[in-house]
């Protein structure tokens, strides 16, 4: 009991001693300079938010393959017709063969959406110039993918470093509030 009381007295004595001893003055000038540097760096960072993006970076950030809405694969679908086969290649990311199949299907049927999917496939296998030609050809048709064509054409033009043409097309997308017009706004803001 005496030992516990003695330890508590020692702890109390040490605590009181620490409270009574004068504290060292901190160097507030140094802290002020450090805080000023941090604030200036933060303000500079906020003002300098306009990061320069390359066309390839913008393309990579915003491009994603368009979903297969024509012949979606379903479980147990053993249908082997050419349309299902082409889209099966597309869905399995075998874009080279898919592009060839879409080209053949467009030639035999004249159905315009095959041009669109062929163009997307060509973009995915890095044949940007071919994709641009196909998308420009698809613009002449009016099908259920017509609204998406300008978006993918703008991205393809960005990838091909045809910046002025891409900017004009993105502005049209915004004005018409077409497919992905909000993303078009973001791209234009990042380009300025």
N, C-alpha and C. Protein backbone atom coordinates (compact mmCIF):
# COMPACT_ATOMS: atom_id res chain seq x y z
N UNK A 1 0.82 -1.18 0.00
CA UNK A 1 0.00 0.00 0.00
C UNK A 1 0.88 1.26 0.00
N UNK A 2 1.92 1.22 0.82
CA UNK A 2 2.84 2.34 0.90
C UNK A 2 3.58 2.55 -0.43
N UNK A 3 3.91 1.44 -1.08
CA UNK A 3 4.63 1.53 -2.36
C UNK A 3 3.75 2.19 -3.42
N UNK A 4 2.49 1.85 -3.44
CA UNK A 4 1.56 2.43 -4.43
C UNK A 4 1.38 3.91 -4.16
N UNK A 5 1.23 4.27 -2.91
CA UNK A 5 1.07 5.68 -2.55
C UNK A 5 2.34 6.45 -2.92
N UNK A 6 3.48 5.86 -2.69
CA UNK A 6 4.76 6.51 -3.02
C UNK A 6 4.89 6.74 -4.52
N UNK A 7 4.49 5.75 -5.32
CA UNK A 7 4.56 5.88 -6.79
C UNK A 7 3.62 6.97 -7.25
N UNK A 8 2.42 7.03 -6.68
CA UNK A 8 1.45 8.05 -7.07
C UNK A 8 1.95 9.44 -6.68
N UNK A 9 2.60 9.55 -5.53
CA UNK A 9 3.17 10.82 -5.12
C UNK A 9 4.26 11.26 -6.10
N UNK A 10 5.11 10.31 -6.49
CA UNK A 10 6.18 10.63 -7.45
C UNK A 10 5.60 11.09 -8.78
N UNK A 11 4.57 10.40 -9.25
CA UNK A 11 3.93 10.78 -10.51
C UNK A 11 3.33 12.18 -10.42
N UNK A 12 2.66 12.45 -9.29
CA UNK A 12 2.06 13.76 -9.08
C UNK A 12 3.14 14.84 -9.01
N UNK A 13 4.23 14.56 -8.29
CA UNK A 13 5.32 15.51 -8.15
C UNK A 13 5.91 15.83 -9.53
N UNK A 14 6.13 14.80 -10.36
CA UNK A 14 6.68 14.99 -11.72
C UNK A 14 5.73 15.82 -12.59
N UNK A 15 4.46 15.56 -12.44
CA UNK A 15 3.46 16.29 -13.22
C UNK A 15 3.45 17.77 -12.83
N UNK A 16 3.48 18.04 -11.54
CA UNK A 16 3.50 19.41 -11.06
C UNK A 16 4.79 20.12 -11.47
N UNK A 17 5.88 19.40 -11.43
CA UNK A 17 7.16 19.99 -11.84
C UNK A 17 7.12 20.40 -13.31
N UNK A 18 6.55 19.54 -14.14
CA UNK A 18 6.43 19.88 -15.57
C UNK A 18 5.54 21.08 -15.79
N UNK A 19 4.48 21.21 -15.01
CA UNK A 19 3.58 22.35 -15.15
C UNK A 19 4.23 23.65 -14.69
N UNK A 20 5.08 23.57 -13.70
CA UNK A 20 5.70 24.77 -13.15
C UNK A 20 6.88 25.27 -13.95
N UNK A 21 7.55 24.40 -14.64
CA UNK A 21 8.73 24.84 -15.40
C UNK A 21 8.29 25.66 -16.59
N UNK A 22 8.99 26.77 -16.85
CA UNK A 22 8.61 27.61 -18.00
C UNK A 22 8.84 26.88 -19.31
N UNK A 23 7.88 27.05 -20.20
CA UNK A 23 7.98 26.39 -21.50
C UNK A 23 8.89 27.20 -22.40
N UNK A 24 9.54 26.47 -23.27
CA UNK A 24 10.41 27.14 -24.23
C UNK A 24 9.54 27.83 -25.27
N UNK A 25 9.96 29.00 -25.67
CA UNK A 25 9.22 29.71 -26.71
C UNK A 25 9.52 29.06 -28.04
N UNK A 26 8.47 28.77 -28.76
CA UNK A 26 8.64 28.16 -30.07
C UNK A 26 8.99 29.24 -31.07
N UNK A 27 9.63 28.84 -32.08
CA UNK A 27 10.05 29.77 -33.11
C UNK A 27 8.87 29.99 -34.06
N UNK A 28 8.04 30.96 -33.73
CA UNK A 28 6.83 31.21 -34.51
C UNK A 28 7.15 31.80 -35.89
N UNK A 29 8.29 32.44 -36.00
CA UNK A 29 8.68 32.97 -37.30
C UNK A 29 8.88 31.82 -38.30
N UNK A 30 9.55 30.77 -37.85
CA UNK A 30 9.77 29.62 -38.72
C UNK A 30 8.44 28.97 -39.11
N UNK A 31 7.55 28.83 -38.14
CA UNK A 31 6.24 28.23 -38.42
C UNK A 31 5.45 29.10 -39.39
N UNK A 32 5.52 30.41 -39.22
CA UNK A 32 4.82 31.33 -40.12
C UNK A 32 5.33 31.24 -41.55
N UNK A 33 6.66 31.16 -41.69
CA UNK A 33 7.24 31.03 -43.04
C UNK A 33 6.81 29.72 -43.68
N UNK A 34 6.84 28.64 -42.92
CA UNK A 34 6.44 27.33 -43.45
C UNK A 34 4.97 27.35 -43.87
N UNK A 35 4.11 27.95 -43.05
CA UNK A 35 2.69 28.03 -43.38
C UNK A 35 2.47 28.88 -44.63
N UNK A 36 3.22 29.99 -44.75
CA UNK A 36 3.10 30.84 -45.94
C UNK A 36 3.48 30.09 -47.21
N UNK A 37 4.55 29.32 -47.13
CA UNK A 37 5.00 28.54 -48.29
C UNK A 37 3.92 27.54 -48.70
N UNK A 38 3.34 26.89 -47.71
CA UNK A 38 2.29 25.90 -48.01
C UNK A 38 1.08 26.57 -48.64
N UNK A 39 0.69 27.73 -48.11
CA UNK A 39 -0.47 28.45 -48.67
C UNK A 39 -0.18 28.90 -50.09
N UNK A 40 0.99 29.45 -50.33
CA UNK A 40 1.36 29.91 -51.67
C UNK A 40 1.37 28.74 -52.65
N UNK A 41 1.93 27.61 -52.23
CA UNK A 41 1.96 26.44 -53.10
C UNK A 41 0.55 25.96 -53.41
N UNK A 42 -0.34 26.00 -52.41
CA UNK A 42 -1.72 25.59 -52.63
C UNK A 42 -2.45 26.50 -53.60
N UNK A 43 -2.28 27.81 -53.43
CA UNK A 43 -2.92 28.77 -54.33
C UNK A 43 -2.38 28.61 -55.74
N UNK A 44 -1.07 28.45 -55.87
CA UNK A 44 -0.47 28.26 -57.19
C UNK A 44 -1.01 26.99 -57.84
N UNK A 45 -1.16 25.94 -57.02
CA UNK A 45 -1.70 24.68 -57.55
C UNK A 45 -3.13 24.83 -58.03
N UNK A 46 -3.94 25.61 -57.31
CA UNK A 46 -5.32 25.82 -57.72
C UNK A 46 -5.40 26.65 -58.99
N UNK A 47 -4.54 27.65 -59.09
CA UNK A 47 -4.56 28.50 -60.28
C UNK A 47 -4.01 27.79 -61.50
N UNK A 48 -3.15 26.84 -61.26
CA UNK A 48 -2.50 26.16 -62.37
C UNK A 48 -3.10 24.77 -62.57
N UNK A 49 -4.44 24.68 -62.53
CA UNK A 49 -5.09 23.38 -62.70
C UNK A 49 -5.24 22.99 -64.16
N UNK A 50 -4.99 23.90 -65.05
CA UNK A 50 -5.16 23.58 -66.47
C UNK A 50 -3.96 22.77 -66.95
N UNK A 51 -4.10 21.48 -66.80
CA UNK A 51 -3.05 20.57 -67.22
C UNK A 51 -3.17 20.39 -68.72
N UNK A 52 -2.05 20.37 -69.40
CA UNK A 52 -2.08 20.16 -70.84
C UNK A 52 -2.15 18.67 -71.12
N UNK A 53 -3.20 18.29 -71.80
CA UNK A 53 -3.39 16.89 -72.17
C UNK A 53 -3.03 16.73 -73.63
N UNK A 54 -2.43 15.61 -73.96
CA UNK A 54 -2.19 15.32 -75.37
C UNK A 54 -3.46 14.71 -75.94
N UNK A 55 -3.55 14.73 -77.25
CA UNK A 55 -4.72 14.14 -77.91
C UNK A 55 -4.84 12.66 -77.57
N UNK A 56 -3.70 11.97 -77.52
CA UNK A 56 -3.73 10.54 -77.20
C UNK A 56 -4.25 10.30 -75.78
N UNK A 57 -3.87 11.18 -74.84
CA UNK A 57 -4.35 11.03 -73.47
C UNK A 57 -5.86 11.26 -73.38
N UNK A 58 -6.33 12.27 -74.10
CA UNK A 58 -7.78 12.52 -74.11
C UNK A 58 -8.53 11.36 -74.74
N UNK A 59 -8.00 10.86 -75.84
CA UNK A 59 -8.62 9.72 -76.51
C UNK A 59 -8.69 8.53 -75.54
N UNK A 60 -7.58 8.22 -74.90
CA UNK A 60 -7.52 7.07 -73.99
C UNK A 60 -8.46 7.25 -72.80
N UNK A 61 -8.59 8.50 -72.34
CA UNK A 61 -9.44 8.76 -71.19
C UNK A 61 -10.93 8.62 -71.51
N UNK A 62 -11.33 8.97 -72.73
CA UNK A 62 -12.76 9.02 -73.05
C UNK A 62 -13.25 7.90 -73.97
N UNK A 63 -12.36 7.22 -74.64
CA UNK A 63 -12.81 6.19 -75.56
C UNK A 63 -13.12 4.90 -74.81
N UNK A 64 -14.25 4.34 -75.14
CA UNK A 64 -14.56 2.97 -74.75
C UNK A 64 -15.43 2.39 -75.85
N UNK A 65 -15.23 1.12 -76.17
CA UNK A 65 -15.99 0.53 -77.27
C UNK A 65 -17.49 0.61 -77.03
N UNK A 66 -18.22 0.85 -78.10
CA UNK A 66 -19.67 0.93 -77.98
C UNK A 66 -20.22 -0.48 -77.75
N UNK A 67 -21.22 -0.57 -76.90
CA UNK A 67 -21.81 -1.87 -76.57
C UNK A 67 -22.52 -2.48 -77.78
N UNK A 68 -22.54 -3.77 -77.80
CA UNK A 68 -23.25 -4.52 -78.83
C UNK A 68 -24.74 -4.47 -78.51
N UNK A 69 -25.47 -3.62 -79.23
CA UNK A 69 -26.92 -3.53 -79.00
C UNK A 69 -27.70 -4.21 -80.12
N UNK A 70 -26.99 -4.72 -81.11
CA UNK A 70 -27.64 -5.32 -82.29
C UNK A 70 -27.92 -6.81 -82.06
N UNK A 71 -26.91 -7.55 -81.66
CA UNK A 71 -27.06 -8.99 -81.47
C UNK A 71 -26.35 -9.42 -80.19
N UNK A 72 -26.86 -8.96 -79.04
CA UNK A 72 -26.19 -9.31 -77.78
C UNK A 72 -26.16 -10.82 -77.58
N UNK A 73 -25.03 -11.30 -77.10
CA UNK A 73 -24.89 -12.73 -76.84
C UNK A 73 -25.71 -13.09 -75.62
N UNK A 74 -26.33 -14.25 -75.70
CA UNK A 74 -27.07 -14.74 -74.54
C UNK A 74 -26.64 -16.17 -74.27
N UNK A 75 -26.77 -16.54 -73.05
CA UNK A 75 -26.34 -17.87 -72.65
C UNK A 75 -27.12 -18.93 -73.41
N UNK A 76 -26.42 -19.92 -73.93
CA UNK A 76 -27.06 -21.00 -74.66
C UNK A 76 -27.42 -20.63 -76.09
N UNK A 77 -27.01 -19.44 -76.53
CA UNK A 77 -27.30 -19.01 -77.90
C UNK A 77 -26.30 -19.67 -78.84
N UNK A 78 -26.72 -20.70 -79.51
CA UNK A 78 -25.83 -21.45 -80.39
C UNK A 78 -26.03 -21.04 -81.84
N UNK A 79 -26.73 -19.96 -82.06
CA UNK A 79 -26.98 -19.51 -83.42
C UNK A 79 -25.66 -19.17 -84.11
N UNK A 80 -25.48 -19.68 -85.31
CA UNK A 80 -24.20 -19.51 -86.01
C UNK A 80 -24.33 -18.60 -87.22
N UNK A 81 -25.40 -17.80 -87.31
CA UNK A 81 -25.49 -16.96 -88.50
C UNK A 81 -24.38 -15.91 -88.47
N UNK A 82 -24.11 -15.30 -89.59
CA UNK A 82 -22.97 -14.39 -89.75
C UNK A 82 -23.06 -13.16 -88.84
N UNK A 83 -24.25 -12.64 -88.63
CA UNK A 83 -24.40 -11.46 -87.77
C UNK A 83 -24.01 -11.80 -86.34
N UNK A 84 -24.57 -12.88 -85.82
CA UNK A 84 -24.24 -13.29 -84.45
C UNK A 84 -22.75 -13.62 -84.33
N UNK A 85 -22.19 -14.23 -85.35
CA UNK A 85 -20.78 -14.57 -85.33
C UNK A 85 -19.91 -13.31 -85.29
N UNK A 86 -20.24 -12.32 -86.10
CA UNK A 86 -19.49 -11.06 -86.12
C UNK A 86 -19.53 -10.39 -84.75
N UNK A 87 -20.72 -10.35 -84.16
CA UNK A 87 -20.84 -9.71 -82.86
C UNK A 87 -20.22 -10.55 -81.75
N UNK A 88 -20.19 -11.83 -81.93
CA UNK A 88 -19.50 -12.68 -80.95
C UNK A 88 -18.01 -12.35 -80.94
N UNK A 89 -17.42 -12.16 -82.13
CA UNK A 89 -16.01 -11.75 -82.20
C UNK A 89 -15.83 -10.37 -81.55
N UNK A 90 -16.75 -9.47 -81.83
CA UNK A 90 -16.68 -8.12 -81.25
C UNK A 90 -16.75 -8.19 -79.73
N UNK A 91 -17.70 -8.93 -79.21
CA UNK A 91 -17.87 -9.04 -77.75
C UNK A 91 -16.68 -9.72 -77.08
N UNK A 92 -16.02 -10.62 -77.79
CA UNK A 92 -14.86 -11.31 -77.20
C UNK A 92 -13.55 -10.58 -77.47
N UNK A 93 -13.67 -9.35 -77.97
CA UNK A 93 -12.52 -8.45 -78.20
C UNK A 93 -11.56 -8.94 -79.27
N UNK A 94 -12.07 -9.73 -80.19
CA UNK A 94 -11.28 -10.15 -81.35
C UNK A 94 -11.65 -9.21 -82.49
N UNK A 95 -11.18 -7.96 -82.37
CA UNK A 95 -11.64 -6.87 -83.22
C UNK A 95 -11.19 -6.99 -84.67
N UNK A 96 -10.07 -7.61 -84.92
CA UNK A 96 -9.60 -7.75 -86.31
C UNK A 96 -10.58 -8.62 -87.11
N UNK A 97 -10.93 -9.76 -86.57
CA UNK A 97 -11.86 -10.65 -87.27
C UNK A 97 -13.25 -10.02 -87.30
N UNK A 98 -13.64 -9.37 -86.21
CA UNK A 98 -14.95 -8.70 -86.16
C UNK A 98 -15.04 -7.66 -87.27
N UNK A 99 -13.97 -6.87 -87.45
CA UNK A 99 -13.96 -5.85 -88.50
C UNK A 99 -14.15 -6.47 -89.88
N UNK A 100 -13.46 -7.56 -90.13
CA UNK A 100 -13.59 -8.25 -91.41
C UNK A 100 -15.02 -8.76 -91.61
N UNK A 101 -15.61 -9.31 -90.56
CA UNK A 101 -16.99 -9.81 -90.64
C UNK A 101 -17.97 -8.66 -90.89
N UNK A 102 -17.80 -7.53 -90.18
CA UNK A 102 -18.68 -6.39 -90.38
C UNK A 102 -18.56 -5.84 -91.80
N UNK A 103 -17.34 -5.82 -92.32
CA UNK A 103 -17.12 -5.34 -93.68
C UNK A 103 -17.87 -6.24 -94.68
N UNK A 104 -17.76 -7.54 -94.48
CA UNK A 104 -18.44 -8.49 -95.35
C UNK A 104 -19.97 -8.35 -95.24
N UNK A 105 -20.45 -8.19 -94.01
CA UNK A 105 -21.89 -8.03 -93.80
C UNK A 105 -22.42 -6.75 -94.44
N UNK A 106 -21.68 -5.65 -94.34
CA UNK A 106 -22.13 -4.41 -94.97
C UNK A 106 -22.16 -4.57 -96.49
N UNK A 107 -21.13 -5.22 -97.03
CA UNK A 107 -21.08 -5.42 -98.48
C UNK A 107 -22.26 -6.27 -98.97
N UNK A 108 -22.65 -7.28 -98.19
CA UNK A 108 -23.73 -8.17 -98.64
C UNK A 108 -25.12 -7.66 -98.31
N UNK A 109 -25.26 -6.88 -97.23
CA UNK A 109 -26.61 -6.46 -96.83
C UNK A 109 -26.87 -4.96 -97.03
N UNK A 110 -25.80 -4.15 -97.00
CA UNK A 110 -25.97 -2.70 -97.10
C UNK A 110 -26.52 -2.09 -95.81
N UNK A 111 -26.54 -2.86 -94.73
CA UNK A 111 -27.03 -2.37 -93.44
C UNK A 111 -25.98 -1.48 -92.81
N UNK A 112 -26.38 -0.23 -92.54
CA UNK A 112 -25.41 0.81 -92.18
C UNK A 112 -24.74 0.61 -90.82
N UNK A 113 -25.42 0.00 -89.86
CA UNK A 113 -24.79 -0.10 -88.55
C UNK A 113 -23.57 -1.01 -88.55
N UNK A 114 -23.42 -1.85 -89.59
CA UNK A 114 -22.19 -2.65 -89.69
C UNK A 114 -20.98 -1.74 -89.92
N UNK A 115 -21.18 -0.62 -90.61
CA UNK A 115 -20.09 0.35 -90.80
C UNK A 115 -19.64 0.90 -89.45
N UNK A 116 -20.60 1.23 -88.61
CA UNK A 116 -20.31 1.79 -87.30
C UNK A 116 -19.47 0.82 -86.48
N UNK A 117 -19.92 -0.42 -86.38
CA UNK A 117 -19.18 -1.40 -85.58
C UNK A 117 -17.83 -1.76 -86.21
N UNK A 118 -17.76 -1.72 -87.52
CA UNK A 118 -16.47 -1.94 -88.17
C UNK A 118 -15.51 -0.80 -87.81
N UNK A 119 -16.02 0.43 -87.80
CA UNK A 119 -15.19 1.59 -87.44
C UNK A 119 -14.68 1.48 -86.00
N UNK A 120 -15.54 1.09 -85.08
CA UNK A 120 -15.12 0.93 -83.68
C UNK A 120 -14.04 -0.15 -83.59
N UNK A 121 -14.24 -1.24 -84.32
CA UNK A 121 -13.26 -2.32 -84.34
C UNK A 121 -11.92 -1.82 -84.88
N UNK A 122 -11.98 -1.01 -85.93
CA UNK A 122 -10.75 -0.47 -86.52
C UNK A 122 -10.04 0.47 -85.55
N UNK A 123 -10.80 1.25 -84.80
CA UNK A 123 -10.17 2.10 -83.78
C UNK A 123 -9.44 1.25 -82.74
N UNK A 124 -10.05 0.16 -82.39
CA UNK A 124 -9.47 -0.70 -81.35
C UNK A 124 -8.25 -1.48 -81.81
N UNK A 125 -8.07 -1.60 -83.13
CA UNK A 125 -6.85 -2.25 -83.63
C UNK A 125 -5.89 -1.22 -84.23
N UNK A 126 -6.11 0.05 -83.81
CA UNK A 126 -5.19 1.15 -84.15
C UNK A 126 -5.18 1.54 -85.63
N UNK A 127 -6.25 1.27 -86.35
CA UNK A 127 -6.38 1.71 -87.75
C UNK A 127 -7.27 2.96 -87.77
N UNK A 128 -6.73 4.04 -87.25
CA UNK A 128 -7.51 5.25 -87.05
C UNK A 128 -8.01 5.86 -88.35
N UNK A 129 -7.14 5.91 -89.38
CA UNK A 129 -7.56 6.52 -90.65
C UNK A 129 -8.71 5.75 -91.28
N UNK A 130 -8.64 4.42 -91.22
CA UNK A 130 -9.73 3.60 -91.75
C UNK A 130 -11.01 3.85 -90.95
N UNK A 131 -10.88 3.96 -89.64
CA UNK A 131 -12.04 4.20 -88.78
C UNK A 131 -12.69 5.55 -89.12
N UNK A 132 -11.87 6.56 -89.37
CA UNK A 132 -12.41 7.88 -89.72
C UNK A 132 -13.21 7.81 -91.01
N UNK A 133 -12.68 7.12 -92.01
CA UNK A 133 -13.39 6.98 -93.29
C UNK A 133 -14.72 6.26 -93.10
N UNK A 134 -14.69 5.20 -92.31
CA UNK A 134 -15.92 4.43 -92.07
C UNK A 134 -16.96 5.25 -91.31
N UNK A 135 -16.52 6.01 -90.32
CA UNK A 135 -17.46 6.84 -89.55
C UNK A 135 -18.02 7.96 -90.41
N UNK A 136 -17.20 8.55 -91.26
CA UNK A 136 -17.70 9.58 -92.18
C UNK A 136 -18.71 8.99 -93.15
N UNK A 137 -18.46 7.76 -93.59
CA UNK A 137 -19.41 7.07 -94.47
C UNK A 137 -20.71 6.78 -93.72
N UNK A 138 -20.58 6.38 -92.46
CA UNK A 138 -21.76 6.06 -91.65
C UNK A 138 -22.62 7.29 -91.40
N UNK A 139 -22.02 8.47 -91.36
CA UNK A 139 -22.78 9.71 -91.13
C UNK A 139 -23.82 9.95 -92.22
N UNK A 140 -23.64 9.36 -93.39
CA UNK A 140 -24.57 9.55 -94.50
C UNK A 140 -25.86 8.77 -94.30
N UNK A 141 -25.85 7.86 -93.34
CA UNK A 141 -27.02 7.02 -93.07
C UNK A 141 -27.75 7.52 -91.84
N UNK A 142 -28.99 7.12 -91.73
CA UNK A 142 -29.77 7.46 -90.55
C UNK A 142 -30.29 6.16 -89.94
N UNK A 143 -29.57 5.68 -88.93
CA UNK A 143 -30.00 4.46 -88.24
C UNK A 143 -29.96 4.72 -86.73
N UNK A 144 -30.17 3.69 -85.96
CA UNK A 144 -30.24 3.90 -84.51
C UNK A 144 -28.89 4.19 -83.86
N UNK A 145 -27.82 4.18 -84.63
CA UNK A 145 -26.50 4.52 -84.11
C UNK A 145 -25.98 5.85 -84.64
N UNK A 146 -26.81 6.57 -85.36
CA UNK A 146 -26.38 7.83 -85.98
C UNK A 146 -25.95 8.86 -84.94
N UNK A 147 -26.61 8.91 -83.80
CA UNK A 147 -26.25 9.89 -82.76
C UNK A 147 -24.86 9.63 -82.18
N UNK A 148 -24.44 8.39 -82.16
CA UNK A 148 -23.15 8.04 -81.58
C UNK A 148 -21.99 8.28 -82.55
N UNK A 149 -22.28 8.36 -83.83
CA UNK A 149 -21.23 8.46 -84.84
C UNK A 149 -20.35 9.69 -84.64
N UNK A 150 -20.95 10.85 -84.40
CA UNK A 150 -20.15 12.07 -84.23
C UNK A 150 -19.19 11.96 -83.05
N UNK A 151 -19.64 11.37 -81.97
CA UNK A 151 -18.78 11.21 -80.79
C UNK A 151 -17.55 10.38 -81.13
N UNK A 152 -17.77 9.24 -81.74
CA UNK A 152 -16.63 8.38 -82.06
C UNK A 152 -15.76 8.98 -83.16
N UNK A 153 -16.37 9.71 -84.07
CA UNK A 153 -15.59 10.40 -85.11
C UNK A 153 -14.71 11.48 -84.47
N UNK A 154 -15.25 12.23 -83.52
CA UNK A 154 -14.46 13.26 -82.83
C UNK A 154 -13.27 12.63 -82.10
N UNK A 155 -13.50 11.51 -81.44
CA UNK A 155 -12.41 10.83 -80.75
C UNK A 155 -11.36 10.31 -81.73
N UNK A 156 -11.83 9.77 -82.86
CA UNK A 156 -10.89 9.28 -83.87
C UNK A 156 -10.07 10.44 -84.44
N UNK A 157 -10.71 11.58 -84.67
CA UNK A 157 -9.99 12.75 -85.17
C UNK A 157 -8.95 13.23 -84.15
N UNK A 158 -9.30 13.17 -82.88
CA UNK A 158 -8.32 13.51 -81.83
C UNK A 158 -7.12 12.59 -81.91
N UNK A 159 -7.40 11.30 -82.02
CA UNK A 159 -6.32 10.31 -82.08
C UNK A 159 -5.45 10.53 -83.29
N UNK A 160 -6.04 11.00 -84.39
CA UNK A 160 -5.28 11.25 -85.63
C UNK A 160 -4.65 12.65 -85.65
N UNK A 161 -4.71 13.35 -84.51
CA UNK A 161 -4.16 14.70 -84.37
C UNK A 161 -4.78 15.71 -85.34
N UNK A 162 -6.04 15.52 -85.66
CA UNK A 162 -6.78 16.50 -86.45
C UNK A 162 -7.59 17.34 -85.46
N UNK A 163 -6.86 18.10 -84.66
CA UNK A 163 -7.42 18.79 -83.50
C UNK A 163 -8.50 19.80 -83.87
N UNK A 164 -8.26 20.62 -84.89
CA UNK A 164 -9.24 21.65 -85.24
C UNK A 164 -10.57 21.04 -85.65
N UNK A 165 -10.51 20.00 -86.49
CA UNK A 165 -11.74 19.33 -86.94
C UNK A 165 -12.44 18.66 -85.76
N UNK A 166 -11.66 18.06 -84.87
CA UNK A 166 -12.23 17.41 -83.69
C UNK A 166 -12.93 18.44 -82.81
N UNK A 167 -12.31 19.61 -82.62
CA UNK A 167 -12.91 20.66 -81.79
C UNK A 167 -14.24 21.13 -82.37
N UNK A 168 -14.28 21.29 -83.69
CA UNK A 168 -15.53 21.73 -84.33
C UNK A 168 -16.64 20.69 -84.12
N UNK A 169 -16.28 19.43 -84.28
CA UNK A 169 -17.26 18.37 -84.13
C UNK A 169 -17.71 18.26 -82.67
N UNK A 170 -16.79 18.41 -81.73
CA UNK A 170 -17.16 18.39 -80.31
C UNK A 170 -18.10 19.55 -79.98
N UNK A 171 -17.84 20.72 -80.57
CA UNK A 171 -18.72 21.88 -80.36
C UNK A 171 -20.12 21.60 -80.91
N UNK A 172 -20.19 20.95 -82.07
CA UNK A 172 -21.50 20.57 -82.64
C UNK A 172 -22.24 19.61 -81.71
N UNK A 173 -21.51 18.65 -81.17
CA UNK A 173 -22.11 17.68 -80.25
C UNK A 173 -22.72 18.40 -79.05
N UNK A 174 -21.97 19.38 -78.53
CA UNK A 174 -22.45 20.15 -77.37
C UNK A 174 -23.67 20.99 -77.75
N UNK A 175 -23.60 21.68 -78.89
CA UNK A 175 -24.72 22.52 -79.33
C UNK A 175 -26.00 21.71 -79.53
N UNK A 176 -25.85 20.51 -80.09
CA UNK A 176 -27.02 19.66 -80.36
C UNK A 176 -27.42 18.79 -79.17
N UNK A 177 -26.62 18.87 -78.10
CA UNK A 177 -26.83 18.00 -76.93
C UNK A 177 -26.96 16.54 -77.38
N UNK A 178 -26.03 16.15 -78.23
CA UNK A 178 -26.01 14.79 -78.77
C UNK A 178 -25.38 13.83 -77.77
N UNK A 179 -25.20 12.62 -78.23
CA UNK A 179 -24.61 11.54 -77.44
C UNK A 179 -23.28 12.00 -76.82
N UNK A 180 -23.15 11.87 -75.51
CA UNK A 180 -21.95 12.20 -74.73
C UNK A 180 -21.57 13.68 -74.79
N UNK A 181 -22.55 14.57 -74.89
CA UNK A 181 -22.23 16.00 -75.00
C UNK A 181 -21.53 16.54 -73.75
N UNK A 182 -21.81 15.96 -72.58
CA UNK A 182 -21.14 16.43 -71.37
C UNK A 182 -19.66 16.06 -71.39
N UNK A 183 -19.36 14.88 -71.89
CA UNK A 183 -17.95 14.48 -72.03
C UNK A 183 -17.26 15.34 -73.09
N UNK A 184 -18.00 15.73 -74.12
CA UNK A 184 -17.45 16.62 -75.15
C UNK A 184 -17.05 17.95 -74.53
N UNK A 185 -17.89 18.47 -73.60
CA UNK A 185 -17.56 19.71 -72.89
C UNK A 185 -16.26 19.56 -72.12
N UNK A 186 -16.14 18.44 -71.42
CA UNK A 186 -14.94 18.19 -70.62
C UNK A 186 -13.69 18.16 -71.51
N UNK A 187 -13.79 17.51 -72.64
CA UNK A 187 -12.64 17.42 -73.54
C UNK A 187 -12.25 18.81 -74.02
N UNK A 188 -13.24 19.60 -74.46
CA UNK A 188 -12.92 20.95 -74.94
C UNK A 188 -12.27 21.80 -73.84
N UNK A 189 -12.75 21.66 -72.61
CA UNK A 189 -12.16 22.41 -71.51
C UNK A 189 -10.72 21.98 -71.27
N UNK A 190 -10.46 20.71 -71.40
CA UNK A 190 -9.09 20.20 -71.20
C UNK A 190 -8.16 20.56 -72.35
N UNK A 191 -8.74 20.83 -73.50
CA UNK A 191 -7.92 21.20 -74.66
C UNK A 191 -7.51 22.67 -74.62
N UNK A 192 -8.27 23.50 -73.90
CA UNK A 192 -7.96 24.94 -73.87
C UNK A 192 -6.89 25.27 -72.86
